[in-house]
Amino acid sequence: MPVFTEDKRTHETKAVDNVQALVQLLRNRSYEEIRQRMYDSAPGSPWWSACKAELDLRNGQQLAEASVAMSRVTEKMRSSTQHFEQLAETLCQATNDVADLLRKTEAAGRRLEIAVYVAIGVSLVQLFNLIFEVFRKR
């Protein structure tokens, strides 16, 4: 296990403080500018580390915002799905009611047809009876 001297710890602490200060400088910079500065710096350098930290932070924030937005959209979709299911049930019930009414109307139509035939038959019988009575009196 390596032994750290006071000088190495101080150097690492200064490097971390330096990176944190650079990250603060990058806070108001554009995403493209930070990426360009990162590519222009050597990997592991304070600027490269600061740019990477800032980009990781921003990407994490974007991921969190996207997750929240996705959660909201998912909740809206769940609500819409439940609403559509209720509408489908209502439509199914209304369709069944209309089908029942059509069956009842069809049965009523058959009864009306029979009644019309009976009325025509009675009318013909009455007509023949009338004709018979007219010819009988002559």
N, C-alpha and C. Protein backbone atom coordinates (compact mmCIF):
# COMPACT_ATOMS: atom_id res chain seq x y z
N MET A 1 0.85 -1.17 0.00
CA MET A 1 0.00 0.00 0.00
C MET A 1 0.89 1.23 0.00
N PRO A 2 0.65 2.16 -0.90
CA PRO A 2 1.53 3.33 -0.96
C PRO A 2 1.33 4.24 0.24
N VAL A 3 2.39 4.81 0.65
CA VAL A 3 2.34 5.74 1.77
C VAL A 3 2.30 7.15 1.20
N PHE A 4 1.31 7.91 1.64
CA PHE A 4 1.18 9.29 1.15
C PHE A 4 1.92 10.21 2.09
N THR A 5 2.66 11.03 1.48
CA THR A 5 3.33 12.05 2.29
C THR A 5 2.44 13.27 2.35
N GLU A 6 2.76 14.13 3.23
CA GLU A 6 1.98 15.36 3.40
C GLU A 6 1.99 16.17 2.12
N ASP A 7 3.08 16.13 1.39
CA ASP A 7 3.21 16.88 0.14
C ASP A 7 2.25 16.34 -0.92
N LYS A 8 2.12 15.01 -1.02
CA LYS A 8 1.22 14.41 -2.01
C LYS A 8 -0.22 14.72 -1.67
N ARG A 9 -0.58 14.64 -0.39
CA ARG A 9 -1.95 14.96 0.02
C ARG A 9 -2.28 16.41 -0.28
N THR A 10 -1.36 17.27 -0.02
CA THR A 10 -1.58 18.69 -0.30
C THR A 10 -1.74 18.90 -1.79
N HIS A 11 -0.94 18.22 -2.57
CA HIS A 11 -1.02 18.34 -4.03
C HIS A 11 -2.37 17.82 -4.54
N GLU A 12 -2.84 16.68 -4.02
CA GLU A 12 -4.13 16.13 -4.44
C GLU A 12 -5.28 17.03 -4.00
N THR A 13 -5.19 17.58 -2.81
CA THR A 13 -6.23 18.49 -2.31
C THR A 13 -6.30 19.73 -3.19
N LYS A 14 -5.12 20.25 -3.56
CA LYS A 14 -5.09 21.42 -4.44
C LYS A 14 -5.69 21.08 -5.81
N ALA A 15 -5.39 19.87 -6.31
CA ALA A 15 -5.92 19.46 -7.61
C ALA A 15 -7.44 19.37 -7.56
N VAL A 16 -7.97 18.80 -6.48
CA VAL A 16 -9.42 18.69 -6.33
C VAL A 16 -10.03 20.08 -6.21
N ASP A 17 -9.43 20.95 -5.42
CA ASP A 17 -9.93 22.33 -5.29
C ASP A 17 -9.88 23.05 -6.63
N ASN A 18 -8.80 22.80 -7.38
CA ASN A 18 -8.64 23.40 -8.69
C ASN A 18 -9.76 22.94 -9.63
N VAL A 19 -10.04 21.63 -9.64
CA VAL A 19 -11.11 21.09 -10.48
C VAL A 19 -12.45 21.67 -10.07
N GLN A 20 -12.70 21.77 -8.77
CA GLN A 20 -13.97 22.34 -8.30
C GLN A 20 -14.11 23.80 -8.72
N ALA A 21 -13.02 24.55 -8.66
CA ALA A 21 -13.05 25.95 -9.09
C ALA A 21 -13.31 26.03 -10.59
N LEU A 22 -12.70 25.12 -11.36
CA LEU A 22 -12.92 25.12 -12.81
C LEU A 22 -14.37 24.74 -13.14
N VAL A 23 -14.92 23.80 -12.39
CA VAL A 23 -16.32 23.42 -12.60
C VAL A 23 -17.22 24.63 -12.38
N GLN A 24 -16.92 25.41 -11.35
CA GLN A 24 -17.71 26.62 -11.10
C GLN A 24 -17.62 27.60 -12.27
N LEU A 25 -16.43 27.69 -12.87
CA LEU A 25 -16.26 28.57 -14.04
C LEU A 25 -17.07 28.07 -15.24
N LEU A 26 -17.23 26.76 -15.32
CA LEU A 26 -17.93 26.18 -16.47
C LEU A 26 -19.46 26.21 -16.33
N ARG A 27 -19.95 26.55 -15.17
CA ARG A 27 -21.40 26.50 -14.91
C ARG A 27 -22.22 27.30 -15.93
N ASN A 28 -21.74 28.43 -16.32
CA ASN A 28 -22.52 29.30 -17.22
C ASN A 28 -22.12 29.15 -18.68
N ARG A 29 -21.28 28.17 -18.99
CA ARG A 29 -20.82 27.97 -20.36
C ARG A 29 -21.77 27.05 -21.10
N SER A 30 -21.72 27.13 -22.41
CA SER A 30 -22.60 26.28 -23.22
C SER A 30 -22.05 24.86 -23.25
N TYR A 31 -22.95 23.96 -23.55
CA TYR A 31 -22.60 22.54 -23.64
C TYR A 31 -21.50 22.32 -24.69
N GLU A 32 -21.64 22.96 -25.84
CA GLU A 32 -20.67 22.80 -26.91
C GLU A 32 -19.30 23.35 -26.51
N GLU A 33 -19.28 24.49 -25.84
CA GLU A 33 -18.01 25.08 -25.42
C GLU A 33 -17.30 24.17 -24.42
N ILE A 34 -18.06 23.59 -23.51
CA ILE A 34 -17.45 22.69 -22.52
C ILE A 34 -16.89 21.46 -23.22
N ARG A 35 -17.65 20.89 -24.15
CA ARG A 35 -17.16 19.72 -24.87
C ARG A 35 -15.89 20.04 -25.65
N GLN A 36 -15.86 21.19 -26.30
CA GLN A 36 -14.68 21.59 -27.07
C GLN A 36 -13.47 21.76 -26.15
N ARG A 37 -13.69 22.40 -25.01
CA ARG A 37 -12.60 22.61 -24.06
C ARG A 37 -12.10 21.25 -23.53
N MET A 38 -13.02 20.31 -23.34
CA MET A 38 -12.64 18.98 -22.85
C MET A 38 -11.79 18.27 -23.90
N TYR A 39 -12.20 18.35 -25.18
CA TYR A 39 -11.44 17.69 -26.24
C TYR A 39 -10.08 18.34 -26.45
N ASP A 40 -10.00 19.64 -26.17
CA ASP A 40 -8.74 20.36 -26.33
C ASP A 40 -7.76 20.07 -25.20
N SER A 41 -8.26 19.56 -24.07
CA SER A 41 -7.41 19.30 -22.90
C SER A 41 -6.99 17.83 -22.88
N ALA A 42 -5.87 17.59 -22.28
CA ALA A 42 -5.37 16.22 -22.16
C ALA A 42 -6.19 15.45 -21.13
N PRO A 43 -6.52 14.17 -21.40
CA PRO A 43 -7.26 13.38 -20.42
C PRO A 43 -6.54 13.34 -19.08
N GLY A 44 -7.29 13.55 -18.03
CA GLY A 44 -6.73 13.55 -16.69
C GLY A 44 -6.27 14.92 -16.21
N SER A 45 -6.22 15.89 -17.12
CA SER A 45 -5.81 17.24 -16.71
C SER A 45 -6.95 17.88 -15.92
N PRO A 46 -6.65 18.94 -15.15
CA PRO A 46 -7.71 19.61 -14.37
C PRO A 46 -8.86 20.12 -15.25
N TRP A 47 -8.53 20.70 -16.42
CA TRP A 47 -9.59 21.19 -17.30
C TRP A 47 -10.44 20.04 -17.82
N TRP A 48 -9.79 18.96 -18.23
CA TRP A 48 -10.51 17.79 -18.73
C TRP A 48 -11.42 17.23 -17.64
N SER A 49 -10.91 17.11 -16.41
CA SER A 49 -11.70 16.59 -15.29
C SER A 49 -12.87 17.51 -14.96
N ALA A 50 -12.62 18.82 -15.00
CA ALA A 50 -13.68 19.78 -14.70
C ALA A 50 -14.76 19.71 -15.78
N CYS A 51 -14.34 19.65 -17.04
CA CYS A 51 -15.33 19.57 -18.13
C CYS A 51 -16.13 18.28 -18.03
N LYS A 52 -15.44 17.18 -17.77
CA LYS A 52 -16.14 15.89 -17.64
C LYS A 52 -17.12 15.94 -16.48
N ALA A 53 -16.70 16.50 -15.36
CA ALA A 53 -17.60 16.60 -14.20
C ALA A 53 -18.83 17.45 -14.52
N GLU A 54 -18.62 18.57 -15.19
CA GLU A 54 -19.75 19.44 -15.54
C GLU A 54 -20.68 18.78 -16.55
N LEU A 55 -20.10 18.10 -17.55
CA LEU A 55 -20.93 17.40 -18.53
C LEU A 55 -21.70 16.25 -17.87
N ASP A 56 -21.04 15.52 -16.99
CA ASP A 56 -21.73 14.44 -16.27
C ASP A 56 -22.86 15.01 -15.42
N LEU A 57 -22.62 16.14 -14.78
CA LEU A 57 -23.65 16.77 -13.96
C LEU A 57 -24.85 17.19 -14.82
N ARG A 58 -24.55 17.83 -15.94
CA ARG A 58 -25.63 18.28 -16.83
C ARG A 58 -26.40 17.09 -17.42
N ASN A 59 -25.66 16.06 -17.82
CA ASN A 59 -26.33 14.87 -18.35
C ASN A 59 -27.21 14.23 -17.29
N GLY A 60 -26.73 14.20 -16.05
CA GLY A 60 -27.54 13.66 -14.96
C GLY A 60 -28.80 14.48 -14.73
N GLN A 61 -28.66 15.81 -14.82
CA GLN A 61 -29.84 16.67 -14.65
C GLN A 61 -30.84 16.45 -15.78
N GLN A 62 -30.32 16.34 -17.01
CA GLN A 62 -31.21 16.09 -18.15
C GLN A 62 -31.90 14.74 -18.01
N LEU A 63 -31.18 13.75 -17.53
CA LEU A 63 -31.76 12.43 -17.33
C LEU A 63 -32.86 12.49 -16.26
N ALA A 64 -32.60 13.24 -15.19
CA ALA A 64 -33.60 13.38 -14.13
C ALA A 64 -34.84 14.10 -14.65
N GLU A 65 -34.64 15.16 -15.42
CA GLU A 65 -35.78 15.90 -15.99
C GLU A 65 -36.56 15.02 -16.96
N ALA A 66 -35.84 14.25 -17.76
CA ALA A 66 -36.51 13.35 -18.70
C ALA A 66 -37.29 12.27 -17.96
N SER A 67 -36.73 11.79 -16.86
CA SER A 67 -37.43 10.77 -16.07
C SER A 67 -38.71 11.33 -15.47
N VAL A 68 -38.65 12.55 -14.96
CA VAL A 68 -39.84 13.18 -14.40
C VAL A 68 -40.89 13.39 -15.49
N ALA A 69 -40.44 13.87 -16.65
CA ALA A 69 -41.38 14.08 -17.76
C ALA A 69 -41.98 12.75 -18.21
N MET A 70 -41.16 11.72 -18.27
CA MET A 70 -41.66 10.40 -18.67
C MET A 70 -42.66 9.88 -17.64
N SER A 71 -42.41 10.13 -16.39
CA SER A 71 -43.34 9.72 -15.34
C SER A 71 -44.69 10.42 -15.50
N ARG A 72 -44.65 11.70 -15.79
CA ARG A 72 -45.89 12.46 -16.00
C ARG A 72 -46.65 11.93 -17.21
N VAL A 73 -45.92 11.68 -18.30
CA VAL A 73 -46.56 11.16 -19.51
C VAL A 73 -47.15 9.78 -19.25
N THR A 74 -46.42 8.96 -18.51
CA THR A 74 -46.91 7.62 -18.19
C THR A 74 -48.19 7.70 -17.37
N GLU A 75 -48.24 8.61 -16.43
CA GLU A 75 -49.45 8.78 -15.60
C GLU A 75 -50.62 9.25 -16.46
N LYS A 76 -50.35 10.17 -17.38
CA LYS A 76 -51.42 10.64 -18.28
C LYS A 76 -51.90 9.51 -19.17
N MET A 77 -50.96 8.70 -19.65
CA MET A 77 -51.34 7.56 -20.50
C MET A 77 -52.17 6.55 -19.71
N ARG A 78 -51.79 6.32 -18.47
CA ARG A 78 -52.56 5.39 -17.63
C ARG A 78 -53.98 5.92 -17.42
N SER A 79 -54.08 7.21 -17.16
CA SER A 79 -55.39 7.83 -16.97
C SER A 79 -56.21 7.75 -18.26
N SER A 80 -55.57 8.02 -19.39
CA SER A 80 -56.28 7.95 -20.68
C SER A 80 -56.72 6.53 -20.98
N THR A 81 -55.88 5.56 -20.66
CA THR A 81 -56.24 4.16 -20.89
C THR A 81 -57.45 3.77 -20.07
N GLN A 82 -57.47 4.18 -18.80
CA GLN A 82 -58.62 3.88 -17.95
C GLN A 82 -59.88 4.54 -18.51
N HIS A 83 -59.74 5.78 -18.98
CA HIS A 83 -60.88 6.49 -19.55
C HIS A 83 -61.39 5.77 -20.80
N PHE A 84 -60.46 5.34 -21.67
CA PHE A 84 -60.86 4.62 -22.88
C PHE A 84 -61.52 3.29 -22.54
N GLU A 85 -61.04 2.62 -21.50
CA GLU A 85 -61.67 1.37 -21.08
C GLU A 85 -63.11 1.62 -20.62
N GLN A 86 -63.31 2.70 -19.87
CA GLN A 86 -64.67 3.05 -19.44
C GLN A 86 -65.54 3.38 -20.64
N LEU A 87 -64.99 4.13 -21.59
CA LEU A 87 -65.76 4.46 -22.79
C LEU A 87 -66.10 3.20 -23.59
N ALA A 88 -65.15 2.28 -23.68
CA ALA A 88 -65.40 1.03 -24.41
C ALA A 88 -66.51 0.23 -23.73
N GLU A 89 -66.49 0.18 -22.39
CA GLU A 89 -67.55 -0.53 -21.67
C GLU A 89 -68.90 0.13 -21.90
N THR A 90 -68.93 1.45 -21.86
CA THR A 90 -70.17 2.19 -22.10
C THR A 90 -70.66 1.94 -23.53
N LEU A 91 -69.75 1.98 -24.49
CA LEU A 91 -70.12 1.74 -25.88
C LEU A 91 -70.65 0.32 -26.07
N CYS A 92 -70.01 -0.64 -25.42
CA CYS A 92 -70.46 -2.04 -25.51
C CYS A 92 -71.87 -2.18 -24.93
N GLN A 93 -72.11 -1.55 -23.78
CA GLN A 93 -73.43 -1.61 -23.16
C GLN A 93 -74.47 -0.93 -24.06
N ALA A 94 -74.13 0.22 -24.62
CA ALA A 94 -75.06 0.92 -25.51
C ALA A 94 -75.36 0.08 -26.75
N THR A 95 -74.34 -0.57 -27.29
CA THR A 95 -74.54 -1.43 -28.45
C THR A 95 -75.47 -2.60 -28.12
N ASN A 96 -75.26 -3.20 -26.95
CA ASN A 96 -76.15 -4.29 -26.52
C ASN A 96 -77.58 -3.80 -26.34
N ASP A 97 -77.73 -2.59 -25.78
CA ASP A 97 -79.08 -2.03 -25.61
C ASP A 97 -79.75 -1.79 -26.96
N VAL A 98 -79.01 -1.25 -27.91
CA VAL A 98 -79.56 -1.01 -29.25
C VAL A 98 -79.93 -2.34 -29.92
N ALA A 99 -79.08 -3.37 -29.75
CA ALA A 99 -79.38 -4.69 -30.33
C ALA A 99 -80.65 -5.26 -29.71
N ASP A 100 -80.83 -5.10 -28.39
CA ASP A 100 -82.07 -5.55 -27.74
C ASP A 100 -83.28 -4.81 -28.29
N LEU A 101 -83.14 -3.49 -28.45
CA LEU A 101 -84.24 -2.71 -29.01
C LEU A 101 -84.57 -3.15 -30.43
N LEU A 102 -83.56 -3.45 -31.22
CA LEU A 102 -83.81 -3.92 -32.59
C LEU A 102 -84.52 -5.27 -32.59
N ARG A 103 -84.13 -6.18 -31.67
CA ARG A 103 -84.83 -7.47 -31.59
C ARG A 103 -86.29 -7.26 -31.19
N LYS A 104 -86.52 -6.37 -30.23
CA LYS A 104 -87.90 -6.09 -29.80
C LYS A 104 -88.68 -5.44 -30.93
N THR A 105 -88.04 -4.55 -31.68
CA THR A 105 -88.70 -3.90 -32.81
C THR A 105 -89.04 -4.92 -33.89
N GLU A 106 -88.12 -5.86 -34.11
CA GLU A 106 -88.38 -6.90 -35.09
C GLU A 106 -89.57 -7.76 -34.68
N ALA A 107 -89.63 -8.11 -33.39
CA ALA A 107 -90.77 -8.90 -32.89
C ALA A 107 -92.07 -8.10 -33.01
N ALA A 108 -92.01 -6.81 -32.68
CA ALA A 108 -93.20 -5.97 -32.79
C ALA A 108 -93.62 -5.84 -34.26
N GLY A 109 -92.64 -5.76 -35.15
CA GLY A 109 -92.94 -5.69 -36.58
C GLY A 109 -93.65 -6.95 -37.05
N ARG A 110 -93.21 -8.10 -36.55
CA ARG A 110 -93.89 -9.35 -36.92
C ARG A 110 -95.33 -9.37 -36.41
N ARG A 111 -95.51 -8.92 -35.17
CA ARG A 111 -96.87 -8.88 -34.62
C ARG A 111 -97.74 -7.91 -35.42
N LEU A 112 -97.17 -6.78 -35.80
CA LEU A 112 -97.92 -5.80 -36.60
C LEU A 112 -98.28 -6.39 -37.96
N GLU A 113 -97.35 -7.12 -38.55
CA GLU A 113 -97.62 -7.76 -39.83
C GLU A 113 -98.80 -8.75 -39.71
N ILE A 114 -98.79 -9.54 -38.65
CA ILE A 114 -99.90 -10.49 -38.42
C ILE A 114 -101.21 -9.72 -38.22
N ALA A 115 -101.12 -8.62 -37.46
CA ALA A 115 -102.33 -7.82 -37.22
C ALA A 115 -102.87 -7.24 -38.52
N VAL A 116 -101.98 -6.81 -39.40
CA VAL A 116 -102.41 -6.27 -40.69
C VAL A 116 -103.08 -7.36 -41.52
N TYR A 117 -102.48 -8.57 -41.52
CA TYR A 117 -103.10 -9.67 -42.26
C TYR A 117 -104.48 -10.02 -41.69
N VAL A 118 -104.59 -10.00 -40.36
CA VAL A 118 -105.89 -10.28 -39.73
C VAL A 118 -106.88 -9.19 -40.11
N ALA A 119 -106.44 -7.92 -40.09
CA ALA A 119 -107.35 -6.81 -40.45
C ALA A 119 -107.79 -6.93 -41.90
N ILE A 120 -106.86 -7.30 -42.78
CA ILE A 120 -107.23 -7.48 -44.20
C ILE A 120 -108.20 -8.64 -44.34
N GLY A 121 -107.93 -9.73 -43.60
CA GLY A 121 -108.83 -10.89 -43.66
C GLY A 121 -110.22 -10.54 -43.16
N VAL A 122 -110.29 -9.84 -42.03
CA VAL A 122 -111.59 -9.43 -41.49
C VAL A 122 -112.28 -8.50 -42.47
N SER A 123 -111.52 -7.58 -43.07
CA SER A 123 -112.12 -6.65 -44.04
C SER A 123 -112.67 -7.41 -45.24
N LEU A 124 -111.94 -8.41 -45.73
CA LEU A 124 -112.43 -9.20 -46.86
C LEU A 124 -113.68 -9.98 -46.49
N VAL A 125 -113.66 -10.56 -45.28
CA VAL A 125 -114.85 -11.30 -44.84
C VAL A 125 -116.03 -10.35 -44.76
N GLN A 126 -115.84 -9.16 -44.21
CA GLN A 126 -116.91 -8.17 -44.11
C GLN A 126 -117.39 -7.76 -45.50
N LEU A 127 -116.44 -7.59 -46.44
CA LEU A 127 -116.80 -7.21 -47.80
C LEU A 127 -117.63 -8.32 -48.46
N PHE A 128 -117.16 -9.58 -48.33
CA PHE A 128 -117.94 -10.68 -48.89
C PHE A 128 -119.31 -10.79 -48.23
N ASN A 129 -119.33 -10.57 -46.92
CA ASN A 129 -120.62 -10.61 -46.21
C ASN A 129 -121.55 -9.52 -46.73
N LEU A 130 -121.02 -8.33 -46.95
CA LEU A 130 -121.81 -7.22 -47.46
C LEU A 130 -122.32 -7.55 -48.88
N ILE A 131 -121.44 -8.05 -49.72
CA ILE A 131 -121.83 -8.42 -51.09
C ILE A 131 -122.90 -9.52 -51.02
N PHE A 132 -122.70 -10.50 -50.16
CA PHE A 132 -123.68 -11.57 -50.00
C PHE A 132 -125.04 -11.02 -49.59
N GLU A 133 -125.06 -10.09 -48.64
CA GLU A 133 -126.31 -9.49 -48.17
C GLU A 133 -126.98 -8.68 -49.29
N VAL A 134 -126.17 -7.97 -50.09
CA VAL A 134 -126.72 -7.18 -51.18
C VAL A 134 -127.37 -8.11 -52.21
N PHE A 135 -126.67 -9.17 -52.57
CA PHE A 135 -127.23 -10.08 -53.56
C PHE A 135 -128.39 -10.90 -52.99
N ARG A 136 -128.44 -11.14 -51.73
CA ARG A 136 -129.52 -11.89 -51.12
C ARG A 136 -130.84 -11.10 -51.13
N LYS A 137 -130.74 -9.81 -50.95
CA LYS A 137 -131.94 -8.97 -50.94
C LYS A 137 -132.47 -8.78 -52.36
N ARG A 138 -131.76 -9.03 -53.35
CA ARG A 138 -132.22 -8.86 -54.71
C ARG A 138 -132.84 -10.06 -55.16
